[in-house]
Amino acid sequence: MRAILTNIGADKAGIIAGVSTYLAKNEINILDVSQTIMNGYFTMMMMVEIPDEKVDFEKITTELNELGEKLGVEIKIRNEKLYQAMHQL
């Protein structure tokens, strides 16, 4: 399944490393990424692919929330289908 991952928080070293390490350990592939610093805030958006046999979206969401707390940022992940449905309204 494909999902959109967003990450926002005060800029500091280690954010990209922390998120990408988590994704790699869970065999979640980064398909596309966009990132920038806006007035001192790090913002990143990723399109990721979660292997079907690995999909436990609730567990992934919980673990990313915990990682965000550890890194001092807000990490959100949403199923790509949510965005597709929003654009069909």
N, C-alpha and C. Protein backbone atom coordinates (compact mmCIF):
# COMPACT_ATOMS: atom_id res chain seq x y z
N MET A 1 0.83 -1.17 0.00
CA MET A 1 0.00 0.00 0.00
C MET A 1 0.87 1.24 0.00
N ARG A 2 0.38 2.29 -0.59
CA ARG A 2 1.10 3.56 -0.61
C ARG A 2 0.51 4.49 0.44
N ALA A 3 1.40 5.31 1.02
CA ALA A 3 0.97 6.24 2.06
C ALA A 3 1.76 7.54 1.93
N ILE A 4 1.19 8.61 2.50
CA ILE A 4 1.86 9.90 2.56
C ILE A 4 2.29 10.12 4.00
N LEU A 5 3.57 10.40 4.18
CA LEU A 5 4.14 10.66 5.49
C LEU A 5 4.55 12.13 5.55
N THR A 6 4.10 12.85 6.58
CA THR A 6 4.51 14.24 6.76
C THR A 6 5.25 14.37 8.08
N ASN A 7 6.14 15.35 8.10
CA ASN A 7 7.01 15.55 9.25
C ASN A 7 7.23 17.05 9.39
N ILE A 8 6.89 17.61 10.55
CA ILE A 8 7.05 19.04 10.78
C ILE A 8 7.58 19.26 12.19
N GLY A 9 8.57 20.15 12.31
CA GLY A 9 9.09 20.50 13.62
C GLY A 9 10.28 21.41 13.52
N ALA A 10 10.74 21.88 14.65
CA ALA A 10 11.92 22.73 14.68
C ALA A 10 13.10 21.99 14.04
N ASP A 11 13.84 22.70 13.21
CA ASP A 11 14.95 22.08 12.49
C ASP A 11 16.08 21.73 13.45
N LYS A 12 16.58 20.51 13.30
CA LYS A 12 17.75 20.07 14.05
C LYS A 12 18.33 18.84 13.36
N ALA A 13 19.54 18.52 13.69
CA ALA A 13 20.22 17.37 13.09
C ALA A 13 19.55 16.06 13.52
N GLY A 14 19.48 15.11 12.59
CA GLY A 14 19.04 13.76 12.91
C GLY A 14 17.61 13.42 12.53
N ILE A 15 16.82 14.39 12.09
CA ILE A 15 15.43 14.10 11.76
C ILE A 15 15.33 13.15 10.57
N ILE A 16 16.00 13.50 9.48
CA ILE A 16 15.95 12.66 8.28
C ILE A 16 16.52 11.28 8.59
N ALA A 17 17.62 11.23 9.30
CA ALA A 17 18.24 9.96 9.65
C ALA A 17 17.29 9.10 10.49
N GLY A 18 16.63 9.70 11.46
CA GLY A 18 15.72 8.94 12.32
C GLY A 18 14.55 8.36 11.55
N VAL A 19 13.92 9.19 10.71
CA VAL A 19 12.76 8.73 9.95
C VAL A 19 13.18 7.69 8.92
N SER A 20 14.23 7.95 8.16
CA SER A 20 14.63 7.01 7.11
C SER A 20 15.13 5.70 7.70
N THR A 21 15.77 5.73 8.86
CA THR A 21 16.21 4.50 9.52
C THR A 21 15.00 3.66 9.93
N TYR A 22 13.98 4.30 10.52
CA TYR A 22 12.76 3.57 10.87
C TYR A 22 12.15 2.92 9.64
N LEU A 23 12.03 3.69 8.56
CA LEU A 23 11.41 3.15 7.34
C LEU A 23 12.21 1.97 6.80
N ALA A 24 13.53 2.09 6.75
CA ALA A 24 14.37 1.01 6.23
C ALA A 24 14.24 -0.25 7.09
N LYS A 25 14.25 -0.09 8.40
CA LYS A 25 14.14 -1.25 9.30
C LYS A 25 12.81 -1.98 9.13
N ASN A 26 11.78 -1.25 8.68
CA ASN A 26 10.46 -1.84 8.51
C ASN A 26 10.15 -2.13 7.04
N GLU A 27 11.20 -2.11 6.20
CA GLU A 27 11.08 -2.43 4.77
C GLU A 27 10.04 -1.56 4.07
N ILE A 28 9.95 -0.29 4.51
CA ILE A 28 9.05 0.69 3.89
C ILE A 28 9.90 1.52 2.93
N ASN A 29 9.56 1.46 1.65
CA ASN A 29 10.35 2.11 0.61
C ASN A 29 9.91 3.56 0.42
N ILE A 30 10.87 4.46 0.33
CA ILE A 30 10.59 5.86 0.02
C ILE A 30 10.52 6.00 -1.50
N LEU A 31 9.35 6.38 -2.01
CA LEU A 31 9.16 6.53 -3.45
C LEU A 31 9.46 7.94 -3.92
N ASP A 32 9.16 8.93 -3.08
CA ASP A 32 9.39 10.32 -3.43
C ASP A 32 9.51 11.10 -2.13
N VAL A 33 10.26 12.20 -2.16
CA VAL A 33 10.44 13.01 -0.96
C VAL A 33 10.62 14.47 -1.34
N SER A 34 10.04 15.33 -0.53
CA SER A 34 10.20 16.77 -0.67
C SER A 34 10.44 17.32 0.72
N GLN A 35 11.43 18.20 0.86
CA GLN A 35 11.72 18.75 2.17
C GLN A 35 12.23 20.17 2.02
N THR A 36 11.99 20.96 3.05
CA THR A 36 12.46 22.34 3.06
C THR A 36 12.51 22.83 4.50
N ILE A 37 13.18 23.95 4.70
CA ILE A 37 13.19 24.63 5.98
C ILE A 37 12.36 25.90 5.78
N MET A 38 11.31 26.06 6.59
CA MET A 38 10.44 27.23 6.51
C MET A 38 10.52 27.98 7.83
N ASN A 39 11.22 29.13 7.80
CA ASN A 39 11.33 29.98 8.99
C ASN A 39 11.79 29.20 10.22
N GLY A 40 12.78 28.33 10.02
CA GLY A 40 13.34 27.56 11.13
C GLY A 40 12.66 26.23 11.40
N TYR A 41 11.60 25.93 10.65
CA TYR A 41 10.89 24.66 10.83
C TYR A 41 11.20 23.72 9.67
N PHE A 42 11.59 22.51 10.04
CA PHE A 42 11.85 21.47 9.04
C PHE A 42 10.51 20.88 8.61
N THR A 43 10.28 20.82 7.32
CA THR A 43 9.07 20.19 6.80
C THR A 43 9.47 19.16 5.75
N MET A 44 8.86 18.00 5.81
CA MET A 44 9.17 16.93 4.86
C MET A 44 7.89 16.17 4.54
N MET A 45 7.74 15.84 3.27
CA MET A 45 6.62 15.02 2.83
C MET A 45 7.21 13.88 2.01
N MET A 46 6.74 12.68 2.29
CA MET A 46 7.22 11.49 1.58
C MET A 46 6.04 10.67 1.06
N MET A 47 6.22 10.10 -0.12
CA MET A 47 5.34 9.05 -0.61
C MET A 47 6.09 7.76 -0.32
N VAL A 48 5.46 6.85 0.41
CA VAL A 48 6.12 5.59 0.78
C VAL A 48 5.28 4.41 0.33
N GLU A 49 5.94 3.29 0.17
CA GLU A 49 5.29 2.02 -0.20
C GLU A 49 5.54 1.04 0.93
N ILE A 50 4.43 0.56 1.52
CA ILE A 50 4.50 -0.42 2.60
C ILE A 50 4.14 -1.78 2.00
N PRO A 51 5.04 -2.76 2.06
CA PRO A 51 4.71 -4.08 1.51
C PRO A 51 3.43 -4.62 2.12
N ASP A 52 2.59 -5.22 1.29
CA ASP A 52 1.28 -5.71 1.75
C ASP A 52 1.39 -6.63 2.96
N GLU A 53 2.42 -7.46 3.01
CA GLU A 53 2.54 -8.39 4.13
C GLU A 53 2.99 -7.67 5.41
N LYS A 54 3.45 -6.43 5.29
CA LYS A 54 3.92 -5.67 6.45
C LYS A 54 2.88 -4.68 6.96
N VAL A 55 1.75 -4.57 6.30
CA VAL A 55 0.79 -3.53 6.64
C VAL A 55 0.09 -3.83 7.97
N ASP A 56 0.48 -3.10 8.97
CA ASP A 56 -0.23 -3.00 10.24
C ASP A 56 -0.23 -1.50 10.51
N PHE A 57 -1.14 -0.82 9.84
CA PHE A 57 -1.13 0.64 9.79
C PHE A 57 -1.23 1.25 11.19
N GLU A 58 -2.00 0.65 12.06
CA GLU A 58 -2.13 1.17 13.42
C GLU A 58 -0.79 1.11 14.15
N LYS A 59 -0.08 0.00 13.99
CA LYS A 59 1.24 -0.17 14.64
C LYS A 59 2.24 0.83 14.07
N ILE A 60 2.26 0.97 12.75
CA ILE A 60 3.18 1.91 12.11
C ILE A 60 2.88 3.33 12.58
N THR A 61 1.61 3.70 12.63
CA THR A 61 1.21 5.03 13.08
C THR A 61 1.67 5.29 14.51
N THR A 62 1.46 4.32 15.38
CA THR A 62 1.87 4.45 16.78
C THR A 62 3.38 4.61 16.89
N GLU A 63 4.11 3.77 16.19
CA GLU A 63 5.58 3.83 16.25
C GLU A 63 6.11 5.14 15.69
N LEU A 64 5.50 5.64 14.62
CA LEU A 64 5.95 6.93 14.06
C LEU A 64 5.61 8.08 15.00
N ASN A 65 4.47 8.01 15.69
CA ASN A 65 4.16 9.03 16.69
C ASN A 65 5.20 9.03 17.80
N GLU A 66 5.58 7.85 18.26
CA GLU A 66 6.60 7.73 19.30
C GLU A 66 7.95 8.24 18.81
N LEU A 67 8.30 7.93 17.56
CA LEU A 67 9.55 8.42 16.99
C LEU A 67 9.52 9.94 16.89
N GLY A 68 8.40 10.49 16.48
CA GLY A 68 8.27 11.95 16.40
C GLY A 68 8.50 12.61 17.75
N GLU A 69 7.94 12.03 18.81
CA GLU A 69 8.15 12.56 20.16
C GLU A 69 9.63 12.54 20.52
N LYS A 70 10.29 11.44 20.18
CA LYS A 70 11.72 11.29 20.47
C LYS A 70 12.55 12.32 19.70
N LEU A 71 12.16 12.58 18.44
CA LEU A 71 12.90 13.52 17.59
C LEU A 71 12.46 14.97 17.79
N GLY A 72 11.36 15.17 18.50
CA GLY A 72 10.86 16.52 18.72
C GLY A 72 10.12 17.11 17.53
N VAL A 73 9.49 16.23 16.73
CA VAL A 73 8.73 16.66 15.56
C VAL A 73 7.38 15.95 15.54
N GLU A 74 6.49 16.42 14.68
CA GLU A 74 5.21 15.74 14.48
C GLU A 74 5.29 14.92 13.20
N ILE A 75 5.06 13.63 13.31
CA ILE A 75 5.06 12.74 12.15
C ILE A 75 3.66 12.17 11.98
N LYS A 76 3.12 12.32 10.79
CA LYS A 76 1.80 11.79 10.47
C LYS A 76 1.93 10.92 9.22
N ILE A 77 1.19 9.82 9.19
CA ILE A 77 1.14 8.96 8.00
C ILE A 77 -0.32 8.67 7.70
N ARG A 78 -0.66 8.78 6.42
CA ARG A 78 -2.04 8.55 5.99
C ARG A 78 -2.03 7.73 4.71
N ASN A 79 -2.99 6.84 4.62
CA ASN A 79 -3.16 6.02 3.43
C ASN A 79 -3.39 6.93 2.22
N GLU A 80 -2.71 6.65 1.13
CA GLU A 80 -2.87 7.44 -0.09
C GLU A 80 -4.33 7.50 -0.54
N LYS A 81 -5.09 6.46 -0.27
CA LYS A 81 -6.49 6.41 -0.69
C LYS A 81 -7.32 7.53 -0.06
N LEU A 82 -6.93 7.99 1.12
CA LEU A 82 -7.61 9.12 1.76
C LEU A 82 -7.54 10.36 0.87
N TYR A 83 -6.37 10.64 0.34
CA TYR A 83 -6.19 11.81 -0.52
C TYR A 83 -6.91 11.63 -1.85
N GLN A 84 -6.88 10.42 -2.38
CA GLN A 84 -7.61 10.16 -3.62
C GLN A 84 -9.09 10.40 -3.43
N ALA A 85 -9.64 9.96 -2.31
CA ALA A 85 -11.06 10.14 -2.04
C ALA A 85 -11.41 11.63 -1.88
N MET A 86 -10.53 12.40 -1.24
CA MET A 86 -10.78 13.83 -1.06
C MET A 86 -10.88 14.55 -2.40
N HIS A 87 -10.09 14.12 -3.36
CA HIS A 87 -10.07 14.78 -4.67
C HIS A 87 -11.21 14.32 -5.58
N GLN A 88 -11.93 13.32 -5.18
CA GLN A 88 -13.06 12.85 -5.97
C GLN A 88 -14.38 13.50 -5.55
N LEU A 89 -14.37 14.24 -4.45
CA LEU A 89 -15.59 14.88 -3.97
C LEU A 89 -15.98 16.04 -4.87
